[in-house]
Amino acid sequence: MSLAALHHVTVQSEDLEAARDFYREILGLEVGFRPDLSFPGYWMYLGAVPVVHIVPKSAAIGGGGSEDTGPFDHFAFLAKDFARTKARLEAKGIAYRENHIATPPIDQLFLRDCNNVMIELNFPQS
């Protein structure tokens, strides 16, 4: 097997619209095409790639039903404009934790979506 790239993450939510709004308004993802599946949801796009799939907690997931997702901790994006992103989070009242790594020089923000999913934003320094 030869992996090429991470394709997407799926977030289960009790409130699909709140989750959609979070990923659209806070992270800047766009709602895009989603196949006609047997349950509601949204595919949130970063450019041409649907990186976050939002589904109801009651819907079957691709691998079938599961009581939990095991040791899943968070997912991360490469990001741009650290100061502007912080300002957007503060303006929207989104709590975050800030971290700075010296080598390689990266600024990080950690925040939770409306479903308590941890998101890491990595801002490589120039």
N, C-alpha and C. Protein backbone atom coordinates (compact mmCIF):
# COMPACT_ATOMS: atom_id res chain seq x y z
N MET A 1 0.85 -1.18 0.00
CA MET A 1 0.00 0.00 0.00
C MET A 1 0.89 1.24 0.00
N SER A 2 0.48 2.22 -0.75
CA SER A 2 1.21 3.49 -0.81
C SER A 2 0.24 4.63 -0.52
N LEU A 3 0.37 5.24 0.65
CA LEU A 3 -0.51 6.36 1.02
C LEU A 3 -0.05 7.63 0.31
N ALA A 4 -1.00 8.47 -0.07
CA ALA A 4 -0.68 9.70 -0.77
C ALA A 4 -0.91 10.94 0.08
N ALA A 5 -2.01 10.96 0.86
CA ALA A 5 -2.33 12.14 1.67
C ALA A 5 -3.49 11.80 2.59
N LEU A 6 -3.63 12.55 3.66
CA LEU A 6 -4.82 12.45 4.49
C LEU A 6 -5.99 13.02 3.70
N HIS A 7 -7.09 12.30 3.62
CA HIS A 7 -8.20 12.74 2.79
C HIS A 7 -9.20 13.59 3.55
N HIS A 8 -9.69 13.12 4.71
CA HIS A 8 -10.65 13.91 5.49
C HIS A 8 -10.77 13.33 6.89
N VAL A 9 -11.39 14.11 7.75
CA VAL A 9 -11.81 13.64 9.07
C VAL A 9 -13.32 13.78 9.12
N THR A 10 -13.96 12.92 9.92
CA THR A 10 -15.40 12.98 10.07
C THR A 10 -15.73 13.34 11.51
N VAL A 11 -16.57 14.34 11.68
CA VAL A 11 -16.98 14.81 13.00
C VAL A 11 -18.47 14.50 13.16
N GLN A 12 -18.81 13.79 14.22
CA GLN A 12 -20.21 13.53 14.53
C GLN A 12 -20.74 14.66 15.38
N SER A 13 -21.98 15.08 15.11
CA SER A 13 -22.54 16.24 15.80
C SER A 13 -24.03 16.05 16.07
N GLU A 14 -24.48 16.55 17.22
CA GLU A 14 -25.91 16.61 17.51
C GLU A 14 -26.57 17.79 16.80
N ASP A 15 -25.77 18.80 16.44
CA ASP A 15 -26.28 20.01 15.80
C ASP A 15 -25.47 20.27 14.53
N LEU A 16 -25.95 19.74 13.41
CA LEU A 16 -25.21 19.83 12.15
C LEU A 16 -24.97 21.28 11.72
N GLU A 17 -25.97 22.13 11.91
CA GLU A 17 -25.83 23.52 11.47
C GLU A 17 -24.81 24.27 12.33
N ALA A 18 -24.80 24.02 13.63
CA ALA A 18 -23.81 24.67 14.50
C ALA A 18 -22.40 24.23 14.11
N ALA A 19 -22.24 22.95 13.82
CA ALA A 19 -20.92 22.46 13.40
C ALA A 19 -20.53 23.07 12.06
N ARG A 20 -21.46 23.10 11.11
CA ARG A 20 -21.20 23.73 9.81
C ARG A 20 -20.77 25.18 10.00
N ASP A 21 -21.51 25.91 10.82
CA ASP A 21 -21.20 27.32 11.04
C ASP A 21 -19.83 27.50 11.68
N PHE A 22 -19.47 26.64 12.62
CA PHE A 22 -18.16 26.74 13.26
C PHE A 22 -17.05 26.59 12.22
N TYR A 23 -17.10 25.54 11.43
CA TYR A 23 -16.04 25.30 10.46
C TYR A 23 -16.02 26.34 9.35
N ARG A 24 -17.16 26.92 9.05
CA ARG A 24 -17.23 27.96 8.03
C ARG A 24 -16.78 29.30 8.60
N GLU A 25 -17.34 29.72 9.72
CA GLU A 25 -17.09 31.06 10.26
C GLU A 25 -15.77 31.17 11.02
N ILE A 26 -15.36 30.12 11.71
CA ILE A 26 -14.14 30.19 12.52
C ILE A 26 -12.92 29.77 11.73
N LEU A 27 -13.01 28.67 10.98
CA LEU A 27 -11.85 28.17 10.24
C LEU A 27 -11.84 28.56 8.77
N GLY A 28 -12.95 29.10 8.26
CA GLY A 28 -12.97 29.56 6.88
C GLY A 28 -13.16 28.47 5.84
N LEU A 29 -13.61 27.28 6.25
CA LEU A 29 -13.91 26.24 5.27
C LEU A 29 -15.22 26.57 4.57
N GLU A 30 -15.42 25.99 3.40
CA GLU A 30 -16.62 26.25 2.62
C GLU A 30 -17.47 24.99 2.50
N VAL A 31 -18.78 25.15 2.56
CA VAL A 31 -19.68 24.03 2.31
C VAL A 31 -19.62 23.71 0.83
N GLY A 32 -19.48 22.41 0.50
CA GLY A 32 -19.39 22.03 -0.89
C GLY A 32 -20.20 20.78 -1.20
N PHE A 33 -19.96 20.26 -2.39
CA PHE A 33 -20.68 19.09 -2.87
C PHE A 33 -20.58 17.94 -1.87
N ARG A 34 -21.70 17.26 -1.70
CA ARG A 34 -21.77 16.04 -0.89
C ARG A 34 -22.68 15.08 -1.63
N PRO A 35 -22.26 13.83 -1.79
CA PRO A 35 -23.13 12.87 -2.49
C PRO A 35 -24.47 12.71 -1.78
N ASP A 36 -25.43 12.19 -2.49
CA ASP A 36 -26.76 11.94 -1.93
C ASP A 36 -26.67 10.68 -1.06
N LEU A 37 -26.36 10.86 0.20
CA LEU A 37 -26.23 9.76 1.14
C LEU A 37 -27.54 9.53 1.86
N SER A 38 -27.63 8.47 2.63
CA SER A 38 -28.89 8.13 3.30
C SER A 38 -29.08 8.87 4.62
N PHE A 39 -28.22 9.82 4.92
CA PHE A 39 -28.33 10.60 6.15
C PHE A 39 -27.85 12.02 5.86
N PRO A 40 -28.28 12.99 6.65
CA PRO A 40 -27.89 14.39 6.40
C PRO A 40 -26.44 14.64 6.81
N GLY A 41 -25.94 15.78 6.39
CA GLY A 41 -24.59 16.17 6.78
C GLY A 41 -24.04 17.23 5.86
N TYR A 42 -22.79 17.60 6.10
CA TYR A 42 -22.10 18.61 5.30
C TYR A 42 -20.69 18.14 5.03
N TRP A 43 -20.18 18.48 3.86
CA TRP A 43 -18.77 18.33 3.56
C TRP A 43 -18.19 19.73 3.50
N MET A 44 -17.17 19.96 4.30
CA MET A 44 -16.53 21.26 4.41
C MET A 44 -15.20 21.21 3.64
N TYR A 45 -15.07 22.14 2.71
CA TYR A 45 -13.94 22.12 1.78
C TYR A 45 -12.86 23.13 2.15
N LEU A 46 -11.62 22.72 1.91
CA LEU A 46 -10.45 23.58 1.92
C LEU A 46 -9.95 23.57 0.48
N GLY A 47 -10.25 24.62 -0.26
CA GLY A 47 -9.97 24.61 -1.70
C GLY A 47 -10.86 23.58 -2.36
N ALA A 48 -10.25 22.64 -3.09
CA ALA A 48 -11.01 21.63 -3.82
C ALA A 48 -11.18 20.33 -3.04
N VAL A 49 -10.71 20.29 -1.78
CA VAL A 49 -10.72 19.04 -1.02
C VAL A 49 -11.71 19.11 0.14
N PRO A 50 -12.61 18.12 0.25
CA PRO A 50 -13.55 18.08 1.37
C PRO A 50 -12.87 17.49 2.61
N VAL A 51 -12.24 18.34 3.41
CA VAL A 51 -11.38 17.88 4.50
C VAL A 51 -12.11 17.51 5.78
N VAL A 52 -13.29 18.09 6.02
CA VAL A 52 -14.08 17.77 7.22
C VAL A 52 -15.48 17.37 6.77
N HIS A 53 -15.88 16.16 7.16
CA HIS A 53 -17.24 15.69 6.93
C HIS A 53 -17.99 15.77 8.24
N ILE A 54 -19.15 16.37 8.22
CA ILE A 54 -19.98 16.51 9.43
C ILE A 54 -21.19 15.61 9.26
N VAL A 55 -21.41 14.71 10.24
CA VAL A 55 -22.52 13.77 10.18
C VAL A 55 -23.25 13.76 11.51
N PRO A 56 -24.51 13.33 11.52
CA PRO A 56 -25.23 13.21 12.79
C PRO A 56 -24.63 12.11 13.66
N LYS A 57 -24.71 12.28 14.95
CA LYS A 57 -24.22 11.23 15.85
C LYS A 57 -24.94 9.92 15.62
N SER A 58 -26.19 9.98 15.17
CA SER A 58 -26.99 8.78 14.98
C SER A 58 -26.70 8.08 13.65
N ALA A 59 -25.97 8.72 12.74
CA ALA A 59 -25.75 8.15 11.41
C ALA A 59 -24.62 7.12 11.44
N ALA A 60 -24.77 6.12 10.58
CA ALA A 60 -23.70 5.14 10.43
C ALA A 60 -22.49 5.84 9.81
N ILE A 61 -21.31 5.46 10.27
CA ILE A 61 -20.10 6.01 9.68
C ILE A 61 -19.54 4.99 8.70
N GLY A 62 -18.56 5.42 7.91
CA GLY A 62 -18.03 4.56 6.87
C GLY A 62 -17.63 3.17 7.33
N GLY A 63 -17.04 3.06 8.52
CA GLY A 63 -16.61 1.77 9.02
C GLY A 63 -17.69 1.05 9.79
N GLY A 64 -18.89 1.61 9.86
CA GLY A 64 -19.96 1.02 10.64
C GLY A 64 -20.03 1.64 12.02
N GLY A 65 -21.07 1.31 12.75
CA GLY A 65 -21.26 1.89 14.08
C GLY A 65 -20.13 1.53 15.03
N SER A 66 -19.85 2.40 15.98
CA SER A 66 -18.80 2.17 16.96
C SER A 66 -19.15 2.94 18.22
N GLU A 67 -18.84 2.38 19.37
CA GLU A 67 -19.12 3.08 20.62
C GLU A 67 -18.18 4.26 20.84
N ASP A 68 -16.96 4.16 20.30
CA ASP A 68 -16.02 5.27 20.40
C ASP A 68 -15.04 5.20 19.24
N THR A 69 -14.19 6.18 19.13
CA THR A 69 -13.21 6.19 18.05
C THR A 69 -11.81 5.86 18.56
N GLY A 70 -11.75 5.19 19.70
CA GLY A 70 -10.45 4.79 20.23
C GLY A 70 -9.66 5.97 20.74
N PRO A 71 -8.35 5.96 20.53
CA PRO A 71 -7.50 6.99 21.12
C PRO A 71 -7.36 8.27 20.30
N PHE A 72 -8.35 8.59 19.48
CA PHE A 72 -8.27 9.81 18.67
C PHE A 72 -8.14 11.02 19.59
N ASP A 73 -7.18 11.89 19.31
CA ASP A 73 -6.93 13.06 20.15
C ASP A 73 -7.31 14.37 19.47
N HIS A 74 -6.83 14.62 18.26
CA HIS A 74 -7.11 15.88 17.57
C HIS A 74 -6.74 15.75 16.10
N PHE A 75 -7.08 16.77 15.31
CA PHE A 75 -6.55 16.86 13.96
C PHE A 75 -6.00 18.26 13.77
N ALA A 76 -5.14 18.42 12.75
CA ALA A 76 -4.41 19.67 12.60
C ALA A 76 -4.43 20.16 11.16
N PHE A 77 -4.33 21.49 11.03
CA PHE A 77 -4.20 22.15 9.74
C PHE A 77 -2.93 22.98 9.74
N LEU A 78 -2.27 23.10 8.59
CA LEU A 78 -1.29 24.16 8.39
C LEU A 78 -2.10 25.42 8.18
N ALA A 79 -1.64 26.54 8.68
CA ALA A 79 -2.43 27.76 8.60
C ALA A 79 -1.53 28.96 8.31
N LYS A 80 -2.15 30.08 8.00
CA LYS A 80 -1.44 31.33 7.73
C LYS A 80 -2.04 32.44 8.57
N ASP A 81 -1.23 33.45 8.86
CA ASP A 81 -1.65 34.67 9.55
C ASP A 81 -2.08 34.42 11.00
N PHE A 82 -1.09 34.13 11.82
CA PHE A 82 -1.28 33.82 13.23
C PHE A 82 -2.05 34.93 13.96
N ALA A 83 -1.61 36.19 13.81
CA ALA A 83 -2.23 37.30 14.53
C ALA A 83 -3.69 37.50 14.11
N ARG A 84 -3.96 37.41 12.84
CA ARG A 84 -5.34 37.59 12.36
C ARG A 84 -6.24 36.46 12.85
N THR A 85 -5.72 35.24 12.87
CA THR A 85 -6.50 34.11 13.34
C THR A 85 -6.82 34.26 14.83
N LYS A 86 -5.83 34.64 15.62
CA LYS A 86 -6.07 34.89 17.05
C LYS A 86 -7.15 35.96 17.24
N ALA A 87 -7.06 37.03 16.47
CA ALA A 87 -8.05 38.11 16.58
C ALA A 87 -9.44 37.61 16.22
N ARG A 88 -9.55 36.75 15.21
CA ARG A 88 -10.85 36.20 14.82
C ARG A 88 -11.41 35.32 15.94
N LEU A 89 -10.57 34.47 16.53
CA LEU A 89 -11.03 33.62 17.63
C LEU A 89 -11.51 34.47 18.81
N GLU A 90 -10.76 35.49 19.15
CA GLU A 90 -11.14 36.36 20.26
C GLU A 90 -12.44 37.11 19.97
N ALA A 91 -12.58 37.60 18.75
CA ALA A 91 -13.81 38.32 18.37
C ALA A 91 -15.04 37.42 18.44
N LYS A 92 -14.86 36.14 18.15
CA LYS A 92 -15.98 35.18 18.18
C LYS A 92 -16.15 34.52 19.54
N GLY A 93 -15.28 34.87 20.50
CA GLY A 93 -15.38 34.29 21.84
C GLY A 93 -14.97 32.83 21.91
N ILE A 94 -14.08 32.41 21.02
CA ILE A 94 -13.59 31.03 20.99
C ILE A 94 -12.35 30.92 21.87
N ALA A 95 -12.42 30.05 22.87
CA ALA A 95 -11.27 29.82 23.75
C ALA A 95 -10.19 29.05 22.98
N TYR A 96 -8.94 29.38 23.25
CA TYR A 96 -7.84 28.69 22.59
C TYR A 96 -6.63 28.66 23.53
N ARG A 97 -5.71 27.76 23.21
CA ARG A 97 -4.42 27.68 23.91
C ARG A 97 -3.35 27.94 22.87
N GLU A 98 -2.38 28.75 23.24
CA GLU A 98 -1.30 29.15 22.35
C GLU A 98 -0.03 28.40 22.73
N ASN A 99 0.75 28.00 21.72
CA ASN A 99 2.02 27.33 21.96
C ASN A 99 3.00 27.80 20.89
N HIS A 100 4.28 27.85 21.27
CA HIS A 100 5.32 28.28 20.33
C HIS A 100 6.47 27.28 20.38
N ILE A 101 6.87 26.79 19.22
CA ILE A 101 7.96 25.83 19.11
C ILE A 101 9.14 26.53 18.48
N ALA A 102 10.32 26.36 19.10
CA ALA A 102 11.51 27.06 18.61
C ALA A 102 12.08 26.42 17.34
N THR A 103 12.19 25.10 17.32
CA THR A 103 12.79 24.41 16.18
C THR A 103 11.97 23.21 15.79
N PRO A 104 11.42 23.18 14.59
CA PRO A 104 11.35 24.29 13.65
C PRO A 104 10.41 25.37 14.18
N PRO A 105 10.64 26.62 13.80
CA PRO A 105 9.84 27.71 14.36
C PRO A 105 8.37 27.68 13.89
N ILE A 106 7.51 27.30 14.83
CA ILE A 106 6.08 27.18 14.53
C ILE A 106 5.28 27.80 15.68
N ASP A 107 4.30 28.61 15.34
CA ASP A 107 3.32 29.09 16.31
C ASP A 107 2.10 28.18 16.18
N GLN A 108 1.48 27.86 17.32
CA GLN A 108 0.33 26.96 17.30
C GLN A 108 -0.82 27.53 18.10
N LEU A 109 -2.03 27.21 17.64
CA LEU A 109 -3.25 27.49 18.39
C LEU A 109 -4.03 26.18 18.49
N PHE A 110 -4.55 25.90 19.68
CA PHE A 110 -5.38 24.73 19.92
C PHE A 110 -6.75 25.22 20.36
N LEU A 111 -7.80 24.73 19.71
CA LEU A 111 -9.16 25.13 20.05
C LEU A 111 -10.08 23.95 19.87
N ARG A 112 -11.27 24.05 20.45
CA ARG A 112 -12.26 22.98 20.33
C ARG A 112 -13.45 23.48 19.52
N ASP A 113 -14.00 22.59 18.69
CA ASP A 113 -15.21 22.96 17.97
C ASP A 113 -16.41 22.79 18.88
N CYS A 114 -17.61 23.00 18.36
CA CYS A 114 -18.82 22.94 19.16
C CYS A 114 -19.18 21.52 19.59
N ASN A 115 -18.42 20.52 19.13
CA ASN A 115 -18.62 19.13 19.53
C ASN A 115 -17.51 18.65 20.44
N ASN A 116 -16.65 19.56 20.89
CA ASN A 116 -15.52 19.27 21.76
C ASN A 116 -14.39 18.53 21.04
N VAL A 117 -14.32 18.66 19.72
CA VAL A 117 -13.22 18.08 18.95
C VAL A 117 -12.05 19.07 18.97
N MET A 118 -10.87 18.58 19.36
CA MET A 118 -9.69 19.43 19.42
C MET A 118 -9.11 19.63 18.02
N ILE A 119 -8.81 20.90 17.71
CA ILE A 119 -8.22 21.28 16.43
C ILE A 119 -6.92 22.00 16.70
N GLU A 120 -5.89 21.62 15.99
CA GLU A 120 -4.58 22.26 16.10
C GLU A 120 -4.33 23.05 14.82
N LEU A 121 -3.94 24.30 14.97
CA LEU A 121 -3.57 25.14 13.83
C LEU A 121 -2.08 25.43 13.93
N ASN A 122 -1.33 25.09 12.88
CA ASN A 122 0.12 25.28 12.86
C ASN A 122 0.48 26.38 11.88
N PHE A 123 1.21 27.38 12.38
CA PHE A 123 1.62 28.54 11.61
C PHE A 123 3.14 28.55 11.51
N PRO A 124 3.71 27.96 10.46
CA PRO A 124 5.17 27.99 10.32
C PRO A 124 5.65 29.44 10.21
N GLN A 125 6.73 29.75 10.92
CA GLN A 125 7.29 31.09 10.85
C GLN A 125 8.21 31.18 9.64
N SER A 126 8.22 32.33 8.99
CA SER A 126 9.07 32.51 7.80
C SER A 126 10.50 32.72 8.18
